[in-house]
Amino acid sequence: MLHADWSRYRLLFNFVAITSRARMAFKDTYFIRIYDDCDPERIVITESPLFAGLSAEDAPDYEARLDRVCRDVGTWNYTEDETCTLASAESSIRFALECGAAALRLGQGSRDGVPALPTQSPWTRGQRPVTINGLVWMGDIATMSRRMRGKVEDGFSVIKVKIGALDFDAELKMLKTLRDIAGGDTIIRLDANGAFTPQEAMERLQRLAPLNIHSIEQPLRPQYAAELSDLCRHTPIPIALDESLITRPADIERTIDDVLRIRPQYLVLKPSLCGGLGCADMLIRVAESEGMGWWATSALESNVGLAALGAWVDDYKPTIPQGLGTGALYTNNIEVPQLRLEGQYLWYRP
């Protein structure tokens, strides 16, 4: 019979991470340990990465919901793909259950517990890496310039820059400096985290366009769906939806309808925020059928969740860099020895 228990863990940032939405010194996450009392050698560890203040399921009773899920694990028939993945209506918990069930089906597990990987692929066998983008968090111009130089020196061909927390004129000047540092061959993605207003968004995109920006994530907040749709039709810079995709599994069809109405150029997929792996798969099918690009990004998971994301996205054989370089953000990340970041390449070496 299967059993499960959960624990909360506080991840500590190496620095105060600044976005237009918040300043973060730590992030709490949850781990679920799943094991069979008839087979003590089969313990898997999976992450339920609630994002406080952002996840659709962020509520005071979240831990009570984890209690219920862990009590129900004994009823799982994990050999059936859908049985346990539908056991929770919450994106982060469903992500954890999908990873755990898949890992058990694949025969993963050890006495000490291993991170649950939802697939077996060339990446999980150490045969190829997942290419990732570098990430430059917000800060003053000296700090961001230093971080940009570091990413360029580390060999990143695509670098994502957080914007929206400072005066726009100052940010524009800073971005010009960062473009000079990066050079013309480096691809720059921007992430505004909904910092612009509908009234100012187009003018700001026009001023950013000469910097040869690959894309900008979520220039407007999700509630401005109609304005986002209009912006996507006329934008000089391709727009990627991120926060607009945050949902519960039960609401994924509504989210798909929103995507089809807004028609962005890209989707940024965070499975633990957008309904779990199955819902992220649905969004990818929509994107590809509608000619939209996509990439996957971490929702600041620990190395446990990051390894699961790497395994999942590698199944798609991605051709553009993914946003899975957040493992070095923390001073106390969970050690997953197989997970290695080498420049712009994320490896899993079993």
Protein backbone atom coordinates (compact mmCIF):
# COMPACT_ATOMS: atom_id res chain seq x y z
CA MET A 1 0.00 0.00 0.00
CA LEU A 2 1.25 3.45 -0.86
CA HIS A 3 1.77 6.12 1.78
CA ALA A 4 2.76 9.77 1.58
CA ASP A 5 3.74 12.60 3.86
CA TRP A 6 4.69 16.20 3.21
CA SER A 7 7.09 18.77 4.63
CA ARG A 8 7.53 22.51 4.17
CA TYR A 9 10.94 23.92 3.26
CA ARG A 10 12.11 27.52 3.09
CA LEU A 11 14.48 28.31 0.21
CA LEU A 12 16.74 31.31 0.89
CA PHE A 13 17.78 33.58 -1.98
CA ASN A 14 21.41 34.53 -2.53
CA PHE A 15 20.20 38.13 -2.84
CA VAL A 16 16.93 40.04 -2.59
CA ALA A 17 15.19 39.12 -5.86
CA ILE A 18 13.32 42.13 -7.24
CA THR A 19 10.52 42.15 -9.79
CA SER A 20 7.86 44.75 -10.57
CA ARG A 21 5.55 42.62 -8.41
CA ALA A 22 7.58 41.90 -5.27
CA ARG A 23 10.88 41.76 -3.41
CA MET A 24 11.78 38.23 -2.31
CA ALA A 25 14.36 37.06 0.22
CA PHE A 26 12.95 33.53 0.50
CA LYS A 27 10.39 31.17 -1.03
CA ASP A 28 8.56 28.42 0.81
CA THR A 29 7.95 25.18 -1.03
CA TYR A 30 6.61 21.72 -0.17
CA PHE A 31 7.93 18.21 -0.68
CA ILE A 32 5.84 15.04 -0.81
CA ARG A 33 7.51 11.73 0.01
CA ILE A 34 5.72 8.74 -1.52
CA TYR A 35 6.55 5.18 -0.52
CA ASP A 36 5.17 1.65 -0.44
CA ASP A 37 5.20 -0.16 2.92
CA CYS A 38 5.61 -3.43 1.03
CA ASP A 39 8.62 -2.15 -0.89
CA PRO A 40 10.78 0.15 1.28
CA GLU A 41 13.34 0.53 -1.50
CA ARG A 42 10.86 2.57 -3.57
CA ILE A 43 10.72 6.07 -2.13
CA VAL A 44 10.29 9.03 -4.46
CA ILE A 45 10.39 12.70 -3.55
CA THR A 46 8.26 15.17 -5.50
CA GLU A 47 7.81 18.92 -5.12
CA SER A 48 4.55 20.82 -4.68
CA PRO A 49 5.88 24.32 -5.36
CA LEU A 50 3.20 26.69 -4.13
CA PHE A 51 4.09 30.26 -5.14
CA ALA A 52 2.71 32.46 -2.38
CA GLY A 53 0.89 35.48 -3.74
CA LEU A 54 0.83 34.10 -7.28
CA SER A 55 -0.53 30.53 -7.37
CA ALA A 56 -4.28 30.34 -8.00
CA GLU A 57 -4.56 27.97 -5.01
CA ASP A 58 -2.68 30.16 -2.51
CA ALA A 59 -4.98 30.08 0.54
CA PRO A 60 -4.72 29.44 4.31
CA ASP A 61 -5.99 25.87 3.94
CA TYR A 62 -3.28 24.79 1.48
CA GLU A 63 -1.55 22.54 4.01
CA ALA A 64 -4.89 20.96 4.96
CA ARG A 65 -5.30 20.10 1.28
CA LEU A 66 -1.87 18.50 1.29
CA ASP A 67 -2.96 16.45 4.33
CA ARG A 68 -5.99 15.17 2.42
CA VAL A 69 -3.97 14.30 -0.66
CA CYS A 70 -1.44 12.36 1.38
CA ARG A 71 -4.23 10.44 3.14
CA ASP A 72 -5.73 9.54 -0.23
CA VAL A 73 -2.50 8.18 -1.71
CA GLY A 74 -3.36 4.71 -0.49
CA THR A 75 -6.25 4.62 -2.98
CA TRP A 76 -4.01 5.32 -5.98
CA ASN A 77 -3.69 2.93 -8.84
CA TYR A 78 -0.59 4.69 -10.10
CA THR A 79 -0.21 2.28 -13.03
CA GLU A 80 -3.14 4.12 -14.63
CA ASP A 81 -2.07 7.43 -16.08
CA GLU A 82 -5.07 9.51 -15.02
CA THR A 83 -6.12 8.02 -11.68
CA CYS A 84 -3.96 10.02 -9.31
CA THR A 85 -3.26 13.06 -11.43
CA LEU A 86 -6.89 14.07 -11.06
CA ALA A 87 -6.80 13.70 -7.27
CA SER A 88 -6.18 17.40 -6.67
CA ALA A 89 -7.74 20.51 -8.15
CA GLU A 90 -4.62 22.58 -7.43
CA SER A 91 -1.90 23.24 -10.00
CA SER A 92 1.09 22.85 -7.67
CA ILE A 93 -0.22 19.69 -5.97
CA ARG A 94 -1.28 18.17 -9.27
CA PHE A 95 2.22 18.85 -10.66
CA ALA A 96 3.66 16.95 -7.68
CA LEU A 97 1.23 14.04 -8.09
CA GLU A 98 1.84 13.76 -11.83
CA CYS A 99 5.61 13.59 -11.26
CA GLY A 100 5.27 11.12 -8.40
CA ALA A 101 2.89 8.78 -10.22
CA ALA A 102 4.99 8.80 -13.38
CA ALA A 103 8.16 8.09 -11.39
CA LEU A 104 6.53 5.09 -9.72
CA ARG A 105 5.27 3.79 -13.07
CA LEU A 106 8.82 4.07 -14.41
CA GLY A 107 10.20 2.08 -11.48
CA GLN A 108 12.06 4.95 -9.87
CA GLY A 109 12.78 5.09 -6.16
CA SER A 110 15.40 4.30 -3.55
CA ARG A 111 15.61 3.78 0.21
CA ASP A 112 16.80 7.37 0.73
CA GLY A 113 14.36 8.80 -1.78
CA VAL A 114 15.08 10.16 -5.25
CA PRO A 115 13.60 13.17 -7.06
CA ALA A 116 10.62 12.05 -9.13
CA LEU A 117 11.23 12.39 -12.88
CA PRO A 118 8.04 12.23 -14.99
CA THR A 119 9.73 10.79 -18.08
CA GLN A 120 12.79 8.88 -19.21
CA SER A 121 14.52 10.65 -22.06
CA PRO A 122 17.97 11.32 -23.49
CA TRP A 123 18.24 14.15 -20.94
CA THR A 124 17.56 11.88 -17.95
CA ARG A 125 20.13 9.41 -19.34
CA GLY A 126 22.76 12.14 -19.58
CA GLN A 127 22.89 12.00 -23.38
CA ARG A 128 22.04 15.64 -24.10
CA PRO A 129 21.47 18.90 -22.20
CA VAL A 130 18.55 21.29 -22.14
CA THR A 131 19.70 24.71 -23.35
CA ILE A 132 18.56 27.50 -21.02
CA ASN A 133 18.52 31.28 -20.97
CA GLY A 134 20.48 33.38 -18.51
CA LEU A 135 18.48 35.54 -16.08
CA VAL A 136 19.35 39.06 -14.95
CA TRP A 137 17.28 40.17 -11.98
CA MET A 138 16.41 43.77 -11.25
CA GLY A 139 18.84 46.02 -9.41
CA ASP A 140 20.74 49.24 -9.88
CA ILE A 141 22.60 49.78 -13.13
CA ALA A 142 25.96 48.73 -11.68
CA THR A 143 24.52 45.49 -10.29
CA MET A 144 22.63 44.62 -13.46
CA SER A 145 25.62 45.47 -15.65
CA ARG A 146 27.77 43.12 -13.57
CA ARG A 147 25.17 40.36 -13.85
CA MET A 148 24.86 40.86 -17.60
CA ARG A 149 28.62 40.64 -18.08
CA GLY A 150 28.64 37.46 -16.03
CA LYS A 151 25.96 35.84 -18.20
CA VAL A 152 27.77 36.85 -21.40
CA GLU A 153 31.06 35.48 -20.06
CA ASP A 154 29.31 32.24 -19.09
CA GLY A 155 28.33 31.78 -22.72
CA PHE A 156 24.58 32.40 -22.66
CA SER A 157 23.19 33.11 -26.13
CA VAL A 158 19.80 34.18 -24.70
CA ILE A 159 19.49 36.40 -21.64
CA LYS A 160 16.25 37.38 -19.92
CA VAL A 161 16.10 40.70 -18.08
CA LYS A 162 13.53 41.62 -15.44
CA ILE A 163 12.09 45.11 -15.87
CA GLY A 164 9.28 47.26 -14.52
CA ALA A 165 10.31 48.08 -10.95
CA LEU A 166 12.14 51.34 -11.74
CA ASP A 167 11.39 54.59 -13.56
CA PHE A 168 10.99 53.65 -17.22
CA ASP A 169 13.41 56.28 -18.57
CA ALA A 170 16.07 55.00 -16.16
CA GLU A 171 15.32 51.41 -17.17
CA LEU A 172 15.54 52.27 -20.85
CA LYS A 173 18.94 53.86 -20.33
CA MET A 174 20.02 50.81 -18.37
CA LEU A 175 18.77 48.43 -21.07
CA LYS A 176 20.78 50.32 -23.68
CA THR A 177 23.85 49.75 -21.51
CA LEU A 178 22.98 46.06 -21.14
CA ARG A 179 22.55 45.73 -24.91
CA ASP A 180 26.00 47.27 -25.42
CA ILE A 181 27.46 44.79 -22.93
CA ALA A 182 25.69 41.81 -24.50
CA GLY A 183 26.54 42.75 -28.07
CA GLY A 184 24.36 42.42 -31.13
CA ASP A 185 24.43 38.62 -31.35
CA THR A 186 22.98 37.97 -27.88
CA ILE A 187 19.22 37.51 -27.79
CA ILE A 188 17.52 39.54 -25.05
CA ARG A 189 14.14 38.63 -23.61
CA LEU A 190 12.35 41.02 -21.25
CA ASP A 191 9.94 40.19 -18.43
CA ALA A 192 7.71 43.04 -17.24
CA ASN A 193 5.52 40.98 -14.86
CA GLY A 194 2.51 43.15 -15.78
CA ALA A 195 4.23 46.43 -14.92
CA PHE A 196 2.81 48.58 -17.75
CA THR A 197 -0.61 50.20 -17.91
CA PRO A 198 -2.79 49.89 -21.03
CA GLN A 199 -2.36 53.61 -21.67
CA GLU A 200 1.44 53.54 -21.73
CA ALA A 201 2.23 50.03 -23.01
CA MET A 202 2.42 50.69 -26.76
CA GLU A 203 4.59 53.79 -26.38
CA ARG A 204 6.99 51.88 -24.13
CA LEU A 205 7.19 48.94 -26.52
CA GLN A 206 7.98 51.34 -29.36
CA ARG A 207 10.82 52.85 -27.33
CA LEU A 208 12.17 49.39 -26.49
CA ALA A 209 11.98 48.06 -30.06
CA PRO A 210 15.25 49.64 -31.33
CA LEU A 211 17.14 47.52 -28.78
CA ASN A 212 16.36 44.42 -30.87
CA ILE A 213 14.32 42.68 -28.17
CA HIS A 214 13.31 39.08 -28.87
CA SER A 215 10.13 39.21 -26.75
CA ILE A 216 8.55 40.74 -23.67
CA GLU A 217 6.65 38.69 -21.12
CA GLN A 218 3.35 39.95 -19.75
CA PRO A 219 3.55 43.72 -20.38
CA LEU A 220 0.01 44.10 -18.93
CA ARG A 221 -1.63 42.39 -15.98
CA PRO A 222 -3.90 39.43 -16.78
CA GLN A 223 -7.11 41.35 -16.06
CA TYR A 224 -6.44 43.48 -19.16
CA ALA A 225 -7.22 40.63 -21.56
CA ALA A 226 -8.91 42.82 -24.20
CA GLU A 227 -6.07 45.34 -24.10
CA LEU A 228 -3.51 42.53 -24.32
CA SER A 229 -5.28 41.20 -27.39
CA ASP A 230 -5.11 44.59 -29.08
CA LEU A 231 -1.48 45.03 -28.05
CA CYS A 232 -0.54 41.62 -29.49
CA ARG A 233 -2.04 42.61 -32.86
CA HIS A 234 -0.01 45.81 -33.15
CA THR A 235 3.09 45.31 -31.01
CA PRO A 236 6.57 46.06 -32.41
CA ILE A 237 7.99 43.44 -29.99
CA PRO A 238 6.61 39.88 -29.78
CA ILE A 239 4.58 39.36 -26.61
CA ALA A 240 4.64 36.27 -24.40
CA LEU A 241 1.89 35.41 -21.93
CA ASP A 242 3.01 34.29 -18.48
CA GLU A 243 0.80 35.34 -15.57
CA SER A 244 -2.23 35.19 -17.90
CA LEU A 245 -1.77 31.40 -17.93
CA ILE A 246 -2.02 30.96 -14.15
CA THR A 247 -5.04 28.75 -13.55
CA ARG A 248 -6.50 25.68 -11.87
CA PRO A 249 -6.83 22.42 -13.79
CA ALA A 250 -10.62 22.75 -13.74
CA ASP A 251 -10.34 26.10 -15.53
CA ILE A 252 -7.87 25.12 -18.25
CA GLU A 253 -10.46 25.34 -21.05
CA ARG A 254 -11.19 28.94 -20.05
CA THR A 255 -7.46 29.67 -20.10
CA ILE A 256 -7.19 28.16 -23.58
CA ASP A 257 -10.08 30.36 -24.72
CA ASP A 258 -8.20 33.39 -23.35
CA VAL A 259 -5.07 32.39 -25.28
CA LEU A 260 -7.08 32.08 -28.50
CA ARG A 261 -8.66 35.50 -27.95
CA ILE A 262 -5.44 37.29 -27.00
CA ARG A 263 -3.30 35.46 -29.60
CA PRO A 264 0.16 36.22 -28.23
CA GLN A 265 3.30 35.42 -30.16
CA TYR A 266 4.60 33.15 -27.35
CA LEU A 267 3.48 31.23 -24.27
CA VAL A 268 5.69 30.92 -21.19
CA LEU A 269 4.72 27.68 -19.46
CA LYS A 270 5.13 27.10 -15.73
CA PRO A 271 3.37 23.76 -15.14
CA SER A 272 3.09 24.20 -11.37
CA LEU A 273 1.13 27.42 -11.99
CA CYS A 274 -0.87 26.59 -15.13
CA GLY A 275 -2.64 23.40 -14.07
CA GLY A 276 0.14 20.81 -13.95
CA LEU A 277 2.03 18.92 -16.64
CA GLY A 278 -1.10 17.66 -18.39
CA CYS A 279 -2.55 21.16 -18.71
CA ALA A 280 0.81 22.51 -19.89
CA ASP A 281 0.77 19.78 -22.57
CA MET A 282 -2.66 21.03 -23.66
CA LEU A 283 -1.38 24.60 -23.92
CA ILE A 284 1.59 23.44 -26.01
CA ARG A 285 -0.74 21.67 -28.44
CA VAL A 286 -2.80 24.85 -28.76
CA ALA A 287 0.30 26.99 -29.28
CA GLU A 288 1.73 24.71 -31.95
CA SER A 289 -1.57 24.39 -33.79
CA GLU A 290 -1.98 28.20 -33.82
CA GLY A 291 1.58 29.06 -34.86
CA MET A 292 2.61 30.43 -31.46
CA GLY A 293 6.03 29.77 -29.99
CA TRP A 294 6.54 28.58 -26.42
CA TRP A 295 9.12 27.79 -23.82
CA ALA A 296 9.02 26.42 -20.27
CA THR A 297 10.16 28.36 -17.24
CA SER A 298 10.70 27.48 -13.61
CA ALA A 299 8.32 28.96 -11.03
CA LEU A 300 11.32 29.17 -8.67
CA GLU A 301 11.19 25.48 -7.79
CA SER A 302 14.01 23.82 -5.91
CA ASN A 303 16.34 21.44 -7.72
CA VAL A 304 13.77 18.67 -7.16
CA GLY A 305 11.13 20.43 -9.23
CA LEU A 306 13.73 21.72 -11.67
CA ALA A 307 14.87 18.17 -12.46
CA ALA A 308 11.25 17.17 -13.12
CA LEU A 309 10.78 20.13 -15.46
CA GLY A 310 13.96 19.29 -17.34
CA ALA A 311 12.81 15.73 -17.90
CA TRP A 312 9.36 16.84 -19.04
CA VAL A 313 10.46 19.55 -21.47
CA ASP A 314 13.20 17.39 -23.02
CA ASP A 315 10.48 15.11 -24.38
CA TYR A 316 9.55 17.97 -26.72
CA LYS A 317 13.11 18.29 -28.08
CA PRO A 318 13.00 22.09 -27.64
CA THR A 319 14.93 24.16 -30.17
CA ILE A 320 14.98 27.44 -28.22
CA PRO A 321 16.45 28.03 -24.74
CA GLN A 322 14.20 27.28 -21.79
CA GLY A 323 13.91 29.22 -18.54
CA LEU A 324 15.30 26.56 -16.21
CA GLY A 325 18.37 28.28 -14.79
CA THR A 326 17.01 29.17 -11.34
CA GLY A 327 18.74 26.41 -9.38
CA ALA A 328 21.63 28.66 -8.36
CA LEU A 329 19.34 31.29 -6.82
CA TYR A 330 19.33 29.71 -3.36
CA THR A 331 21.90 29.31 -0.61
CA ASN A 332 20.22 26.14 0.68
CA ASN A 333 18.83 24.45 -2.42
CA ILE A 334 18.12 20.73 -2.16
CA GLU A 335 21.10 18.83 -3.48
CA VAL A 336 20.41 16.78 -6.57
CA PRO A 337 23.90 15.60 -7.55
CA GLN A 338 22.83 14.53 -11.03
CA LEU A 339 21.69 18.06 -11.92
CA ARG A 340 24.52 20.16 -13.36
CA LEU A 341 24.51 23.65 -14.85
CA GLU A 342 27.37 24.14 -17.29
CA GLY A 343 27.14 27.58 -18.91
CA GLN A 344 23.89 27.67 -20.85
CA TYR A 345 23.40 23.92 -20.63
CA LEU A 346 21.43 22.11 -17.93
CA TRP A 347 22.54 18.49 -17.66
CA TYR A 348 21.23 15.51 -15.75
CA ARG A 349 24.07 13.02 -15.25
CA PRO A 350 22.79 9.80 -13.63
